Amino acid sequence: MEYQYTLFNQKIEIRKNGFKFPSTRYNGSKLKLSDWIGSHIEKLNFETCLDAFGGTGSIAYKLKTLDKQVYYNDILSFNYYIGKALIENNATILDKNDLKVILTKKKDFNYPTVIQDNFKDIYFTDSENKWLDQIITNINLIEDDYKYAIAIFALAQACIIKRPYNLFHRKNLYMRMSNVKRSFGNKKTWDTPFKDLFIKFINEANNSIFNNNQDNKSLNEDALKVENNFDLIYIDTPYMSNKGTYVDYHGFYHFLEGLTFYDDWEKKIDYSSKHHRLKSKKNIWNDKKRIYDGFDKLFKHYEDSILIVSYRNDGIPSENELKEILGSYKREISVENFGKYKYVLSKNTNSKEILYIGK
């Protein structure tokens, strides 16, 4: 059963008795691998689980469909709201009235200009920056935690899809605006109004929400510090190639992180960077000298749980080194191979996806 209505000339559709994880262009997403990963996890005996490095939430969502009690965790606050909206939330959606409040400019209201003042000609056009300042201000007035989380999710996804490479790693608005022939990107999407993209992701979020009759939770903590009382832990750490190149999620998505602390954003910007990123944060997952110790501490911290580790065969540590570290805490280790899998933006066509299962 479906019903729909029109708001600001946009069709709003809510499906009943069906759900689907939203589309995403998030770097390193496991969405396309979620069925394969889920097929191995569902064979195991567990009731409670933690997705320790939640990211897009696609694996936590898969676990939710298995009717398990799911804890989603991510150290980035905008990702935390993904978990809040799609994993912890069992029933709340953003309805017609909520959307109208978010999308309507308030009369006689002095909107802040944080994005307009700090990101001119960096990521979005002047009119888009003005719209973003207005929308995030309206979103911050939402009192319901789940409705707020859905709105943050939709705004973040709209921002990602508007960006060349779907990242915020450099000042490159000109790539979107130049009138040239293109061999990459999606100019049609880039030219789509923010409002339309925002409504698109509100639709997708609403259609993904379901009740699995469990008390699921979203956390915003360092994975090494989450208290371990789970039957199963799913681990997908930030990737580091065998050349030492790492995926810097904090650097890639700093703009989305800033949206979640909008009022304090300006205090945290590194103005020495051309693209006004947030002040950098070093961590054990982007240091090739410390990453071995990182895995050892992680496996030790969760040694009482079944450990599921997503990995690539060309990373640091190597696949054999990682298995050896895992073997210090697990007697029984099986290795499942998906085979070659190319991530978006990756130039490596020979990388193979691996799943370690430690019991």
Protein backbone atom coordinates (compact mmCIF):
# COMPACT_ATOMS: atom_id res chain seq x y z
CA MET A 1 0.00 0.00 0.00
CA GLU A 2 1.31 3.46 -0.86
CA TYR A 3 0.13 6.99 -0.37
CA GLN A 4 1.49 10.26 -1.66
CA TYR A 5 1.00 14.00 -1.56
CA THR A 6 2.57 17.04 -3.17
CA LEU A 7 4.64 19.64 -1.32
CA PHE A 8 6.32 22.58 -3.04
CA ASN A 9 5.62 20.85 -6.37
CA GLN A 10 7.48 17.75 -5.21
CA LYS A 11 5.83 14.34 -4.88
CA ILE A 12 6.14 12.82 -1.41
CA GLU A 13 5.67 9.07 -1.32
CA ILE A 14 5.48 6.84 1.74
CA ARG A 15 5.44 3.09 1.20
CA LYS A 16 3.66 0.90 3.69
CA ASN A 17 4.64 -2.68 4.50
CA GLY A 18 7.97 -2.35 2.74
CA PHE A 19 11.37 -0.81 3.40
CA LYS A 20 14.61 -0.23 1.56
CA PHE A 21 17.96 1.22 2.59
CA PRO A 22 18.53 4.69 1.06
CA SER A 23 20.89 5.24 -1.85
CA THR A 24 24.28 6.70 -0.98
CA ARG A 25 27.46 7.93 -2.61
CA TYR A 26 29.42 7.81 0.62
CA ASN A 27 33.06 6.83 0.10
CA GLY A 28 33.79 3.21 1.03
CA SER A 29 30.14 2.25 1.46
CA LYS A 30 29.48 -1.46 1.96
CA LEU A 31 25.92 -1.19 0.65
CA LYS A 32 26.57 -3.28 -2.48
CA LEU A 33 28.27 -5.92 -0.33
CA SER A 34 25.66 -5.95 2.44
CA ASP A 35 23.76 -8.99 1.14
CA TRP A 36 26.99 -10.99 0.84
CA ILE A 37 28.18 -9.95 4.29
CA GLY A 38 24.73 -10.57 5.75
CA SER A 39 24.57 -14.06 4.25
CA HIS A 40 27.60 -15.08 6.33
CA ILE A 41 26.58 -13.27 9.51
CA GLU A 42 23.03 -14.64 9.63
CA LYS A 43 24.38 -18.19 9.99
CA LEU A 44 25.93 -17.29 13.36
CA ASN A 45 24.33 -17.59 16.79
CA PHE A 46 23.87 -14.11 18.28
CA GLU A 47 21.19 -11.70 19.49
CA THR A 48 23.03 -8.44 20.20
CA CYS A 49 25.55 -6.80 17.89
CA LEU A 50 27.63 -3.69 17.37
CA ASP A 51 28.65 -2.10 14.08
CA ALA A 52 31.76 -0.45 15.52
CA PHE A 53 32.63 1.79 12.55
CA GLY A 54 29.10 2.38 11.25
CA GLY A 55 29.63 4.75 8.31
CA THR A 56 26.62 4.70 6.00
CA GLY A 57 24.81 2.29 8.30
CA SER A 58 24.20 -0.26 5.54
CA ILE A 59 25.59 -3.21 7.54
CA ALA A 60 23.88 -2.13 10.75
CA TYR A 61 20.69 -1.89 8.72
CA LYS A 62 21.21 -5.40 7.35
CA LEU A 63 21.64 -6.63 10.93
CA LYS A 64 18.43 -4.83 11.87
CA THR A 65 16.56 -6.74 9.14
CA LEU A 66 17.73 -9.95 10.86
CA ASP A 67 15.70 -8.82 13.90
CA LYS A 68 18.78 -8.46 16.09
CA GLN A 69 19.33 -5.77 18.70
CA VAL A 70 21.70 -3.47 16.84
CA TYR A 71 24.07 -0.84 18.17
CA TYR A 72 25.49 1.49 15.55
CA ASN A 73 28.63 3.47 16.37
CA ASP A 74 30.65 6.09 14.54
CA ILE A 75 33.08 8.71 15.81
CA LEU A 76 31.77 11.31 13.34
CA SER A 77 28.70 13.12 14.61
CA PHE A 78 26.93 13.41 11.24
CA ASN A 79 27.26 9.64 10.87
CA TYR A 80 25.85 9.21 14.38
CA TYR A 81 22.68 10.89 13.10
CA ILE A 82 22.52 8.38 10.24
CA GLY A 83 22.42 5.65 12.88
CA LYS A 84 19.88 7.61 14.90
CA ALA A 85 17.59 8.07 11.89
CA LEU A 86 17.82 4.64 10.26
CA ILE A 87 18.86 2.15 12.96
CA GLU A 88 17.71 3.40 16.37
CA ASN A 89 14.52 4.92 14.96
CA ASN A 90 11.79 2.30 14.58
CA ALA A 91 8.77 4.38 13.60
CA THR A 92 9.20 8.15 13.27
CA ILE A 93 9.13 9.82 9.83
CA LEU A 94 9.23 13.40 8.62
CA ASP A 95 5.71 14.24 7.48
CA LYS A 96 4.24 16.96 5.28
CA ASN A 97 4.01 19.51 8.07
CA ASP A 98 7.59 18.88 9.22
CA LEU A 99 8.90 19.40 5.70
CA LYS A 100 6.93 22.58 5.28
CA VAL A 101 8.42 24.02 8.47
CA ILE A 102 11.96 23.07 7.40
CA LEU A 103 11.65 24.42 3.86
CA THR A 104 9.81 27.67 4.61
CA LYS A 105 11.83 30.82 5.21
CA LYS A 106 10.61 32.47 8.39
CA LYS A 107 9.42 36.06 8.16
CA ASP A 108 11.21 38.69 10.22
CA PHE A 109 13.84 36.14 11.23
CA ASN A 110 17.54 37.01 11.18
CA TYR A 111 19.17 33.89 9.71
CA PRO A 112 22.87 33.30 10.51
CA THR A 113 25.34 33.36 7.60
CA VAL A 114 28.01 30.90 8.78
CA ILE A 115 28.24 29.03 5.47
CA GLN A 116 27.96 32.16 3.33
CA ASP A 117 30.73 33.85 5.33
CA ASN A 118 33.17 30.95 5.42
CA PHE A 119 32.66 28.87 2.28
CA LYS A 120 32.13 31.32 -0.57
CA ASP A 121 33.33 29.87 -3.92
CA ILE A 122 34.58 26.69 -2.23
CA TYR A 123 31.87 24.01 -2.43
CA PHE A 124 28.56 25.55 -3.45
CA THR A 125 27.21 28.65 -5.17
CA ASP A 126 26.22 31.81 -3.27
CA SER A 127 22.52 31.01 -3.55
CA GLU A 128 23.11 27.43 -2.40
CA ASN A 129 25.14 28.61 0.59
CA LYS A 130 22.32 30.97 1.54
CA TRP A 131 19.81 28.11 1.26
CA LEU A 132 22.00 25.86 3.42
CA ASP A 133 22.27 28.51 6.15
CA GLN A 134 18.49 28.82 6.16
CA ILE A 135 17.76 25.09 6.15
CA ILE A 136 20.23 24.06 8.85
CA THR A 137 18.90 26.86 11.04
CA ASN A 138 15.34 25.59 10.57
CA ILE A 139 16.46 22.00 11.21
CA ASN A 140 18.10 23.07 14.46
CA LEU A 141 14.69 24.20 15.70
CA ILE A 142 13.27 20.65 15.45
CA GLU A 143 12.57 19.25 18.92
CA ASP A 144 12.01 15.58 18.08
CA ASP A 145 15.38 13.75 18.08
CA TYR A 146 14.45 11.30 15.31
CA LYS A 147 12.96 13.93 13.03
CA TYR A 148 16.08 16.02 13.52
CA ALA A 149 18.26 13.02 12.67
CA ILE A 150 16.30 12.28 9.47
CA ALA A 151 16.65 15.91 8.39
CA ILE A 152 20.41 15.89 9.05
CA PHE A 153 20.72 12.62 7.13
CA ALA A 154 18.85 14.03 4.12
CA LEU A 155 20.77 17.31 4.12
CA ALA A 156 24.11 15.51 4.33
CA GLN A 157 23.23 13.18 1.44
CA ALA A 158 22.04 16.14 -0.65
CA CYS A 159 25.36 17.90 0.00
CA ILE A 160 27.37 14.80 -0.95
CA ILE A 161 25.55 14.24 -4.22
CA LYS A 162 26.11 17.88 -5.24
CA ARG A 163 29.88 17.58 -4.95
CA PRO A 164 32.48 16.56 -7.56
CA TYR A 165 33.88 13.21 -6.36
CA ASN A 166 31.17 13.35 -3.62
CA LEU A 167 33.82 14.75 -1.25
CA PHE A 168 34.84 17.97 0.49
CA HIS A 169 38.59 17.41 0.22
CA ARG A 170 39.43 20.46 -1.89
CA LYS A 171 38.21 23.79 -3.18
CA ASN A 172 36.81 22.79 -6.57
CA LEU A 173 33.43 24.43 -7.18
CA TYR A 174 34.81 25.44 -10.60
CA MET A 175 34.63 21.79 -11.71
CA ARG A 176 30.86 21.92 -11.33
CA MET A 177 30.41 25.31 -12.91
CA SER A 178 32.77 25.15 -15.91
CA ASN A 179 31.06 24.89 -19.29
CA VAL A 180 33.20 22.06 -20.69
CA LYS A 181 32.83 18.50 -21.89
CA ARG A 182 33.02 16.10 -18.95
CA SER A 183 34.31 12.57 -18.62
CA PHE A 184 33.07 12.16 -15.02
CA GLY A 185 30.44 13.36 -12.58
CA ASN A 186 26.75 13.92 -13.05
CA LYS A 187 26.01 17.46 -14.17
CA LYS A 188 22.26 16.80 -14.11
CA THR A 189 22.48 16.03 -10.40
CA TRP A 190 24.82 18.96 -9.77
CA ASP A 191 22.31 21.29 -11.41
CA THR A 192 19.32 19.88 -9.52
CA PRO A 193 18.10 22.34 -6.85
CA PHE A 194 19.12 21.51 -3.30
CA LYS A 195 15.49 21.45 -2.22
CA ASP A 196 14.65 18.68 -4.70
CA LEU A 197 17.60 16.56 -3.58
CA PHE A 198 16.72 17.13 0.08
CA ILE A 199 13.15 15.97 -0.49
CA LYS A 200 14.43 12.96 -2.44
CA PHE A 201 16.47 11.80 0.56
CA ILE A 202 13.67 12.56 3.02
CA ASN A 203 11.56 10.20 0.89
CA GLU A 204 14.24 7.53 0.91
CA ALA A 205 14.80 7.82 4.66
CA ASN A 206 11.07 7.65 5.39
CA ASN A 207 10.77 4.55 3.23
CA SER A 208 13.66 2.83 5.02
CA ILE A 209 12.31 3.10 8.55
CA PHE A 210 10.82 -0.02 10.12
CA ASN A 211 10.33 -1.59 13.51
CA ASN A 212 12.30 -4.77 14.20
CA ASN A 213 10.90 -4.92 17.74
CA GLN A 214 14.31 -4.34 19.30
CA ASP A 215 15.75 -1.52 21.39
CA ASN A 216 18.42 -0.40 18.92
CA LYS A 217 20.88 2.41 19.71
CA SER A 218 23.17 4.83 17.89
CA LEU A 219 26.48 5.78 19.55
CA ASN A 220 29.04 8.51 18.85
CA GLU A 221 32.19 7.12 20.45
CA ASP A 222 35.72 5.95 19.78
CA ALA A 223 35.33 2.28 18.81
CA LEU A 224 38.13 1.36 21.21
CA LYS A 225 36.13 2.76 24.12
CA VAL A 226 32.63 1.37 23.54
CA GLU A 227 31.76 -0.91 26.44
CA ASN A 228 31.67 -4.47 25.16
CA ASN A 229 28.58 -6.43 26.09
CA PHE A 230 27.64 -7.69 22.62
CA ASP A 231 27.41 -11.19 21.16
CA LEU A 232 28.85 -10.05 17.82
CA ILE A 233 31.00 -7.14 16.62
CA TYR A 234 31.19 -6.06 12.99
CA ILE A 235 34.41 -4.19 12.18
CA ASP A 236 35.16 -2.13 9.10
CA THR A 237 37.98 0.26 10.01
CA PRO A 238 39.12 3.12 7.75
CA TYR A 239 41.17 1.59 4.92
CA MET A 240 44.93 2.08 4.57
CA SER A 241 46.54 0.86 1.33
CA ASN A 242 49.83 -1.03 1.27
CA LYS A 243 51.42 2.25 0.13
CA GLY A 244 50.33 3.97 3.32
CA THR A 245 47.54 6.01 1.73
CA TYR A 246 44.54 6.18 4.05
CA VAL A 247 40.90 7.15 3.80
CA ASP A 248 40.50 10.33 5.83
CA TYR A 249 36.78 10.46 6.61
CA HIS A 250 37.20 13.46 8.91
CA GLY A 251 38.89 15.34 6.06
CA PHE A 252 36.57 14.06 3.34
CA TYR A 253 33.35 15.02 5.16
CA HIS A 254 34.34 17.87 7.48
CA PHE A 255 31.64 20.11 5.95
CA LEU A 256 28.92 17.65 6.97
CA GLU A 257 30.44 17.39 10.43
CA GLY A 258 30.29 21.17 10.72
CA LEU A 259 26.57 21.16 10.00
CA THR A 260 25.99 19.20 13.23
CA PHE A 261 27.60 21.90 15.41
CA TYR A 262 26.60 24.85 13.26
CA ASP A 263 26.70 27.46 16.03
CA ASP A 264 30.30 26.57 16.97
CA TRP A 265 31.54 25.72 13.47
CA GLU A 266 33.59 28.86 12.91
CA LYS A 267 35.67 28.19 16.04
CA LYS A 268 36.78 24.82 14.68
CA ILE A 269 37.73 25.74 11.10
CA ASP A 270 41.35 25.56 9.97
CA TYR A 271 41.52 28.83 8.06
CA SER A 272 45.03 28.06 6.82
CA SER A 273 43.54 25.44 4.49
CA LYS A 274 42.20 26.64 1.14
CA HIS A 275 39.00 24.66 1.54
CA HIS A 276 38.43 25.62 5.20
CA ARG A 277 38.43 22.13 6.58
CA LEU A 278 38.08 21.44 10.29
CA LYS A 279 41.23 21.39 12.36
CA SER A 280 42.75 17.98 11.73
CA LYS A 281 42.58 15.10 14.16
CA LYS A 282 45.20 12.38 14.18
CA ASN A 283 44.07 8.89 15.03
CA ILE A 284 45.47 5.41 15.17
CA TRP A 285 43.78 4.42 11.87
CA ASN A 286 45.66 6.93 9.71
CA ASP A 287 49.12 6.23 11.12
CA LYS A 288 50.85 3.26 9.47
CA LYS A 289 53.21 2.91 12.42
CA ARG A 290 50.35 2.63 14.93
CA ILE A 291 47.69 0.82 12.93
CA TYR A 292 48.99 -2.66 13.87
CA ASP A 293 48.64 -1.73 17.51
CA GLY A 294 45.20 -0.34 16.71
CA PHE A 295 43.94 -3.69 15.43
CA ASP A 296 45.51 -5.53 18.36
CA LYS A 297 43.80 -3.23 20.88
CA LEU A 298 40.51 -3.47 18.98
CA PHE A 299 40.48 -7.27 18.89
CA LYS A 300 41.52 -7.48 22.54
CA HIS A 301 38.78 -5.04 23.56
CA TYR A 302 36.13 -7.19 21.87
CA GLU A 303 37.70 -10.62 22.38
CA ASP A 304 34.66 -11.98 24.21
CA SER A 305 32.45 -11.45 21.13
CA ILE A 306 32.23 -13.06 17.72
CA LEU A 307 34.38 -10.82 15.50
CA ILE A 308 33.45 -10.10 11.88
CA VAL A 309 36.09 -8.08 10.04
CA SER A 310 35.65 -6.61 6.57
CA TYR A 311 38.99 -6.12 4.87
CA ARG A 312 40.79 -5.70 1.56
CA ASN A 313 43.70 -7.88 0.52
CA ASP A 314 45.97 -4.95 -0.33
CA GLY A 315 45.88 -3.06 2.95
CA ILE A 316 48.11 -2.40 5.93
CA PRO A 317 48.35 -4.78 7.75
CA SER A 318 48.49 -7.44 5.03
CA GLU A 319 45.73 -10.04 5.03
CA ASN A 320 48.03 -12.62 6.65
CA GLU A 321 49.26 -10.15 9.25
CA LEU A 322 45.70 -9.23 10.14
CA LYS A 323 44.72 -12.89 10.47
CA GLU A 324 47.70 -13.42 12.77
CA ILE A 325 46.65 -10.50 15.00
CA LEU A 326 43.08 -11.81 15.10
CA GLY A 327 44.43 -15.28 15.89
CA SER A 328 45.87 -13.97 19.15
CA TYR A 329 42.31 -13.65 20.43
CA LYS A 330 40.30 -16.16 18.40
CA ARG A 331 40.99 -19.88 18.07
CA GLU A 332 38.68 -20.45 15.14
CA ILE A 333 38.99 -18.12 12.13
CA SER A 334 37.31 -18.60 8.78
CA VAL A 335 38.00 -16.42 5.76
CA GLU A 336 35.39 -15.66 3.12
CA ASN A 337 36.41 -14.16 -0.21
CA PHE A 338 34.06 -12.05 -2.26
CA GLY A 339 36.69 -11.60 -4.95
CA LYS A 340 37.58 -8.48 -6.90
CA TYR A 341 35.62 -5.42 -5.90
CA LYS A 342 36.28 -1.86 -7.01
CA TYR A 343 35.17 1.01 -4.82
CA VAL A 344 33.98 4.28 -6.34
CA LEU A 345 36.94 6.64 -7.03
CA SER A 346 39.45 3.84 -6.43
CA LYS A 347 41.98 3.27 -9.22
CA ASN A 348 42.79 -0.20 -7.93
CA THR A 349 41.00 -2.78 -10.06
CA ASN A 350 42.71 -5.80 -8.44
CA SER A 351 41.68 -5.31 -4.83
CA LYS A 352 39.76 -8.23 -3.31
CA GLU A 353 37.17 -8.02 -0.56
CA ILE A 354 37.67 -10.38 2.39
CA LEU A 355 35.57 -11.24 5.43
CA TYR A 356 37.23 -12.68 8.55
CA ILE A 357 35.00 -14.49 11.01
CA GLY A 358 36.62 -15.10 14.43
CA LYS A 359 34.91 -17.27 17.01
